[in-house]
Amino acid sequence: MNVLVVEDENQTAARLINLIHRYDPSIGILGRFASVEKTLAYFDGPGCIVPDLIFLDIHLEDDDGFKILESIDSSIPVIFTTAYSEYSLKAFKSFSIDYLLKPIDYEQLCDAIDKYKRIRTLNEPDLKSSIPDSAVPTQIKERFMVTWGAKLLSIPAAQIAYFSYEQKTAFLVTNDHRRFAVDYSLDRLVQLTDPNQFFRVNRSCLVCLSAITSIFAYSAGKLKLDLNPDPGYEVFVSSDRVSEFKDWLGK
C-alpha cells in the first residue's frame, strides 16, 4: 500500500508519517508535499506512482487542498486532515474515506485506515468464490507456540484472555496473567482465532469473550470493557465497531 502525504506543517507531517508507520511499517510513503503546486507537479511528472490513498491537509501554504482534487483522478481515496471542522461537509463531497481533526489521534487514524481497507475489499472481486470449500484450509489455531527464556511453550487457545499490540509487538496474555510476545500481527491473529470466541475491539486489542467481566457505555458511542486479567490500561471498543461487537455478543 502506497500513500501520499500533503501537509504544509513540518512537525505535523513528521508526526503523521510516524503514526502511519506505527500502524503498519510496510506502508510506502510516495512523498510529502506542502503545497497544491508541488503536489500537482508530482502527478504531472513522468515517474508518478498513483497512490492508493492520499492524506490531505485542506489548508495548504498556497491554496486549499480541494484544488488538488479538482485536477487529479477523483477516484483516489482521501483521508482529510485539518484543524478546521467547517470544511467537513465539502470534504465528504469528494471520494473521502474519513475526516481527521488535528492534532490527529492515533486510534482515529487507525480506524480511518481500517475503514479504507474495508471499502477497498468490498470493491475488489471475490476471488474466493471460485475456490471449492474443500480446498480452503482451516486456519483457526488450537494452540500458539511462544518462547519463555530458553524454553518453548505451547499455549492452548482456551487459556488466552486477549492479545494486545504494544510498541510494534503483539503479546499473548493468558487467563493467569502470563504475557508472551508472539510472531504475528493482530490482523493475522484475527484470522487464526475462533471468531465466536475472539473479537478485535480496537486497533490494538483482540479479546476473548470469557475475559470480559463488565461493559460500560461511554460518550461518542464508545464502550469500555473491564477485562480479567486487568491489562493495566483502559480498553475501549472503537465507535465504528460497536454495532458489530454487540452482534458478536448476541451470537
Protein backbone atom coordinates (compact mmCIF):
# COMPACT_ATOMS: atom_id res chain seq x y z
CA MET A 1 0.00 0.00 0.00
CA ASN A 2 1.39 3.39 -1.06
CA VAL A 3 0.21 6.72 0.33
CA LEU A 4 0.86 10.38 -0.40
CA VAL A 5 1.04 12.93 2.42
CA VAL A 6 0.06 16.50 1.60
CA GLU A 7 0.74 18.69 4.65
CA ASP A 8 2.42 22.11 4.92
CA GLU A 9 3.44 21.94 8.60
CA ASN A 10 6.74 20.08 9.00
CA GLN A 11 6.14 18.87 12.54
CA THR A 12 2.59 17.74 11.77
CA ALA A 13 3.74 15.93 8.64
CA ALA A 14 6.51 14.13 10.50
CA ARG A 15 4.11 13.05 13.25
CA LEU A 16 1.53 11.85 10.71
CA ILE A 17 4.11 9.74 8.88
CA ASN A 18 5.28 8.32 12.20
CA LEU A 19 1.70 7.36 13.12
CA ILE A 20 1.16 5.76 9.70
CA HIS A 21 4.28 3.63 10.16
CA ARG A 22 3.25 2.83 13.72
CA TYR A 23 0.05 1.43 12.23
CA ASP A 24 1.93 -0.53 9.56
CA PRO A 25 5.67 -0.14 8.89
CA SER A 26 5.24 -1.62 5.41
CA ILE A 27 3.14 1.28 4.13
CA GLY A 28 5.12 3.18 1.50
CA ILE A 29 5.27 6.98 1.63
CA LEU A 30 5.49 8.11 -2.00
CA GLY A 31 6.17 11.67 -0.98
CA ARG A 32 5.25 14.55 1.25
CA PHE A 33 4.28 17.89 -0.29
CA ALA A 34 3.42 21.21 1.31
CA SER A 35 1.51 22.95 -1.48
CA VAL A 36 -1.02 22.48 -4.25
CA GLU A 37 1.61 23.40 -6.84
CA LYS A 38 4.15 20.79 -5.71
CA THR A 39 1.52 18.09 -5.39
CA LEU A 40 0.18 18.68 -8.91
CA ALA A 41 3.76 18.72 -10.20
CA TYR A 42 4.22 15.25 -8.72
CA PHE A 43 1.12 13.92 -10.51
CA ASP A 44 2.23 15.55 -13.79
CA GLY A 45 5.73 14.08 -13.53
CA PRO A 46 6.83 11.19 -15.79
CA GLY A 47 7.73 8.97 -12.81
CA CYS A 48 4.48 9.45 -10.93
CA ILE A 49 3.21 6.44 -8.99
CA VAL A 50 -0.51 6.84 -8.34
CA PRO A 51 -1.10 6.43 -4.59
CA ASP A 52 -3.61 4.03 -3.13
CA LEU A 53 -4.58 6.67 -0.58
CA ILE A 54 -3.93 10.39 -0.01
CA PHE A 55 -3.66 12.08 3.39
CA LEU A 56 -4.66 15.62 2.51
CA ASP A 57 -4.47 18.76 4.61
CA ILE A 58 -7.17 21.16 3.47
CA HIS A 59 -5.41 24.44 4.29
CA LEU A 60 -2.06 24.42 2.44
CA GLU A 61 0.62 27.09 2.05
CA ASP A 62 -0.54 28.30 -1.39
CA ASP A 63 -4.22 27.28 -1.64
CA ASP A 64 -6.75 24.80 -0.26
CA GLY A 65 -6.36 21.09 -0.86
CA PHE A 66 -9.61 20.81 -2.78
CA LYS A 67 -7.84 22.38 -5.77
CA ILE A 68 -5.71 19.23 -5.97
CA LEU A 69 -8.77 17.01 -6.14
CA GLU A 70 -10.22 19.14 -8.92
CA SER A 71 -7.15 18.44 -11.06
CA ILE A 72 -6.36 14.74 -10.46
CA ASP A 73 -8.14 11.41 -10.72
CA SER A 74 -11.13 11.90 -8.43
CA SER A 75 -11.36 8.16 -7.70
CA ILE A 76 -8.25 8.16 -5.47
CA PRO A 77 -9.44 7.72 -1.86
CA VAL A 78 -8.67 10.59 0.51
CA ILE A 79 -8.36 10.94 4.28
CA PHE A 80 -8.59 14.63 5.11
CA THR A 81 -6.54 16.16 7.93
CA THR A 82 -7.20 19.68 9.15
CA ALA A 83 -7.64 21.87 12.18
CA TYR A 84 -10.83 23.42 10.82
CA SER A 85 -14.07 21.47 11.20
CA GLU A 86 -16.04 23.80 8.93
CA TYR A 87 -14.57 22.03 5.88
CA SER A 88 -16.16 18.70 6.74
CA LEU A 89 -19.25 18.92 4.52
CA LYS A 90 -17.24 19.95 1.48
CA ALA A 91 -14.71 17.21 2.18
CA PHE A 92 -17.31 14.47 2.04
CA LYS A 93 -18.45 15.53 -1.42
CA SER A 94 -15.18 14.10 -2.70
CA PHE A 95 -14.08 10.44 -2.51
CA SER A 96 -13.38 10.89 1.18
CA ILE A 97 -12.74 7.92 3.43
CA ASP A 98 -12.62 9.91 6.66
CA TYR A 99 -12.03 13.34 8.13
CA LEU A 100 -9.48 13.75 10.95
CA LEU A 101 -9.12 16.86 13.06
CA LYS A 102 -5.69 17.95 14.28
CA PRO A 103 -3.97 17.04 16.49
CA ILE A 104 -4.54 13.64 14.94
CA ASP A 105 -5.45 10.89 17.39
CA TYR A 106 -3.71 7.56 16.73
CA GLU A 107 -6.79 5.42 17.32
CA GLN A 108 -8.85 7.60 14.96
CA LEU A 109 -6.13 7.33 12.33
CA CYS A 110 -6.13 3.54 12.69
CA ASP A 111 -9.90 3.44 12.37
CA ALA A 112 -9.73 5.59 9.22
CA ILE A 113 -7.17 3.30 7.54
CA ASP A 114 -9.15 0.23 8.62
CA LYS A 115 -12.22 1.83 7.03
CA TYR A 116 -10.28 2.38 3.79
CA LYS A 117 -9.22 -1.28 3.77
CA ARG A 118 -12.79 -2.47 4.29
CA ILE A 119 -14.05 -0.31 1.43
CA ARG A 120 -11.23 -1.48 -0.83
CA THR A 121 -12.01 -5.12 -0.01
CA LEU A 122 -15.68 -4.63 -0.86
CA ASN A 123 -14.74 -3.16 -4.23
CA GLU A 124 -12.35 -6.00 -5.15
CA PRO A 125 -13.54 -9.15 -6.99
CA ASP A 126 -14.35 -12.03 -4.68
CA LEU A 127 -11.56 -14.39 -5.73
CA LYS A 128 -12.55 -16.95 -3.11
CA SER A 129 -15.88 -17.62 -4.84
CA SER A 130 -14.15 -19.79 -7.44
CA ILE A 131 -12.31 -21.93 -4.87
CA PRO A 132 -14.06 -25.07 -3.57
CA ASP A 133 -14.65 -25.06 0.17
CA SER A 134 -12.67 -28.26 0.50
CA ALA A 135 -9.60 -26.51 -0.97
CA VAL A 136 -9.59 -23.76 1.66
CA PRO A 137 -7.56 -24.85 4.72
CA THR A 138 -8.89 -24.24 8.22
CA GLN A 139 -6.73 -21.53 9.79
CA ILE A 140 -8.05 -21.44 13.35
CA LYS A 141 -5.23 -22.41 15.73
CA GLU A 142 -5.90 -24.52 18.80
CA ARG A 143 -2.57 -23.52 20.40
CA PHE A 144 0.19 -20.95 19.99
CA MET A 145 3.91 -21.57 20.30
CA VAL A 146 5.76 -18.96 22.40
CA THR A 147 9.25 -18.50 23.79
CA TRP A 148 9.89 -18.22 27.53
CA GLY A 149 13.58 -17.77 28.21
CA ALA A 150 15.29 -20.80 26.69
CA LYS A 151 12.03 -22.78 26.64
CA LEU A 152 9.34 -23.20 24.02
CA LEU A 153 5.79 -23.33 25.35
CA SER A 154 2.57 -24.35 23.67
CA ILE A 155 -0.34 -22.21 24.90
CA PRO A 156 -3.84 -23.58 24.22
CA ALA A 157 -6.22 -21.03 22.73
CA ALA A 158 -8.65 -21.81 25.56
CA GLN A 159 -6.14 -20.33 28.03
CA ILE A 160 -5.78 -16.99 26.20
CA ALA A 161 -7.60 -13.96 27.62
CA TYR A 162 -6.58 -11.45 24.94
CA PHE A 163 -3.91 -10.32 22.52
CA SER A 164 -2.52 -6.78 22.68
CA TYR A 165 -0.29 -4.74 20.38
CA GLU A 166 2.24 -2.51 22.11
CA GLN A 167 5.46 -0.88 20.86
CA LYS A 168 5.25 -2.66 17.49
CA THR A 169 4.93 -6.08 19.13
CA ALA A 170 1.93 -8.39 19.60
CA PHE A 171 1.54 -10.04 23.00
CA LEU A 172 -0.50 -13.02 24.15
CA VAL A 173 -1.95 -12.72 27.68
CA THR A 174 -3.21 -15.85 29.40
CA ASN A 175 -6.04 -16.23 31.89
CA ASP A 176 -3.50 -16.46 34.71
CA HIS A 177 -1.84 -13.21 33.54
CA ARG A 178 1.25 -14.64 31.86
CA ARG A 179 2.41 -12.49 28.96
CA PHE A 180 4.32 -13.65 25.88
CA ALA A 181 5.40 -11.99 22.64
CA VAL A 182 4.03 -13.69 19.51
CA ASP A 183 5.29 -13.52 15.94
CA TYR A 184 2.00 -12.44 14.40
CA SER A 185 0.32 -9.14 13.61
CA LEU A 186 -3.14 -8.54 15.08
CA ASP A 187 -4.56 -8.69 11.54
CA ARG A 188 -3.19 -12.22 11.26
CA LEU A 189 -4.32 -13.18 14.77
CA VAL A 190 -7.88 -12.29 13.85
CA GLN A 191 -7.64 -14.91 11.09
CA LEU A 192 -6.06 -17.52 13.38
CA THR A 193 -8.53 -17.31 16.29
CA ASP A 194 -12.09 -18.56 16.62
CA PRO A 195 -14.39 -15.64 15.63
CA ASN A 196 -17.04 -16.93 18.03
CA GLN A 197 -14.61 -16.51 20.94
CA PHE A 198 -12.35 -13.59 19.93
CA PHE A 199 -13.23 -10.08 18.76
CA ARG A 200 -10.93 -7.21 17.81
CA VAL A 201 -12.36 -4.31 19.80
CA ASN A 202 -9.88 -1.71 18.54
CA ARG A 203 -6.65 -1.44 16.64
CA SER A 204 -4.52 -2.76 19.49
CA CYS A 205 -6.64 -5.36 21.32
CA LEU A 206 -8.19 -8.70 20.37
CA VAL A 207 -10.21 -10.03 23.31
CA CYS A 208 -11.68 -13.38 24.28
CA LEU A 209 -15.34 -13.39 25.32
CA SER A 210 -14.54 -15.14 28.60
CA ALA A 211 -12.11 -12.34 29.59
CA ILE A 212 -14.81 -9.64 29.50
CA THR A 213 -16.18 -9.07 33.01
CA SER A 214 -18.07 -5.78 32.54
CA ILE A 215 -19.16 -3.44 29.72
CA PHE A 216 -19.84 0.27 30.24
CA ALA A 217 -21.40 2.77 27.82
CA TYR A 218 -19.28 5.89 27.22
CA SER A 219 -19.80 9.10 25.27
CA ALA A 220 -19.32 9.30 21.47
CA GLY A 221 -20.79 5.82 21.09
CA LYS A 222 -17.84 4.04 22.67
CA LEU A 223 -17.95 1.11 25.06
CA LYS A 224 -15.46 0.50 27.85
CA LEU A 225 -14.52 -3.06 28.80
CA ASP A 226 -13.27 -4.47 32.07
CA LEU A 227 -11.06 -7.47 31.40
CA ASN A 228 -9.75 -10.27 33.59
CA PRO A 229 -6.82 -10.27 33.99
CA ASP A 230 -6.58 -6.48 34.21
CA PRO A 231 -4.31 -5.18 31.40
CA GLY A 232 -3.38 -2.08 33.41
CA TYR A 233 -4.96 0.36 30.96
CA GLU A 234 -8.45 1.21 29.76
CA VAL A 235 -9.81 -0.84 26.87
CA PHE A 236 -12.47 0.70 24.62
CA VAL A 237 -14.47 -0.67 21.72
CA SER A 238 -13.91 1.71 18.82
CA SER A 239 -17.09 3.59 17.89
CA ASP A 240 -17.19 2.13 14.37
CA ARG A 241 -17.01 -1.42 15.78
CA VAL A 242 -19.68 -1.09 18.46
CA SER A 243 -22.56 -2.39 16.33
CA GLU A 244 -20.59 -5.43 15.16
CA PHE A 245 -19.39 -6.04 18.72
CA LYS A 246 -22.98 -6.08 20.02
CA ASP A 247 -23.96 -8.54 17.30
CA TRP A 248 -20.99 -10.72 18.28
CA LEU A 249 -22.05 -10.69 21.96
CA GLY A 250 -25.54 -11.83 20.98
CA LYS A 251 -24.44 -14.84 18.90
